[in-house]
Amino acid sequence: MAEEKFDRGTALTIFGTDRHEDLVALAVSLVIALLVYLYV
């Protein structure tokens, strides 16, 4: 039986690759965590 290609689940993204999207999400989450740490 042929293996099926992995489905990302959605094509609604502004990023070309999953890796780029993950890196941007990581950077944004680190900035949010730093702001919470500084202001709370």
Protein backbone atom coordinates (compact mmCIF):
# COMPACT_ATOMS: atom_id res chain seq x y z
CA MET A 1 0.00 0.00 0.00
CA ALA A 2 1.35 3.43 -0.94
CA GLU A 3 2.03 5.84 1.89
CA GLU A 4 -0.11 8.95 1.94
CA LYS A 5 1.49 12.38 1.94
CA PHE A 6 1.26 14.18 5.28
CA ASP A 7 -1.57 16.72 5.34
CA ARG A 8 -0.69 19.99 7.09
CA GLY A 9 -4.34 20.55 7.88
CA THR A 10 -4.63 23.98 6.33
CA ALA A 11 -3.24 26.01 3.47
CA LEU A 12 -4.06 29.31 5.20
CA THR A 13 -0.57 30.41 6.15
CA ILE A 14 1.70 33.30 5.24
CA PHE A 15 4.82 31.17 5.65
CA GLY A 16 6.37 28.96 3.03
CA THR A 17 7.50 26.20 5.32
CA ASP A 18 6.48 24.72 8.64
CA ARG A 19 9.97 25.36 10.04
CA HIS A 20 9.76 29.10 9.33
CA GLU A 21 6.32 29.24 10.92
CA ASP A 22 7.61 27.39 14.01
CA LEU A 23 10.60 29.72 14.40
CA VAL A 24 8.42 32.83 14.18
CA ALA A 25 5.98 31.35 16.72
CA LEU A 26 8.89 30.57 19.05
CA ALA A 27 10.26 34.11 18.76
CA VAL A 28 6.85 35.66 19.42
CA SER A 29 6.26 33.44 22.44
CA LEU A 30 9.68 34.34 23.88
CA VAL A 31 8.92 38.06 23.50
CA ILE A 32 5.55 37.61 25.22
CA ALA A 33 7.16 35.62 28.04
CA LEU A 34 9.81 38.32 28.50
CA LEU A 35 7.16 41.07 28.63
CA VAL A 36 5.15 39.11 31.20
CA TYR A 37 8.30 38.56 33.26
CA LEU A 38 9.20 42.26 33.19
CA TYR A 39 5.74 43.70 33.89
CA VAL A 40 4.27 41.21 36.38
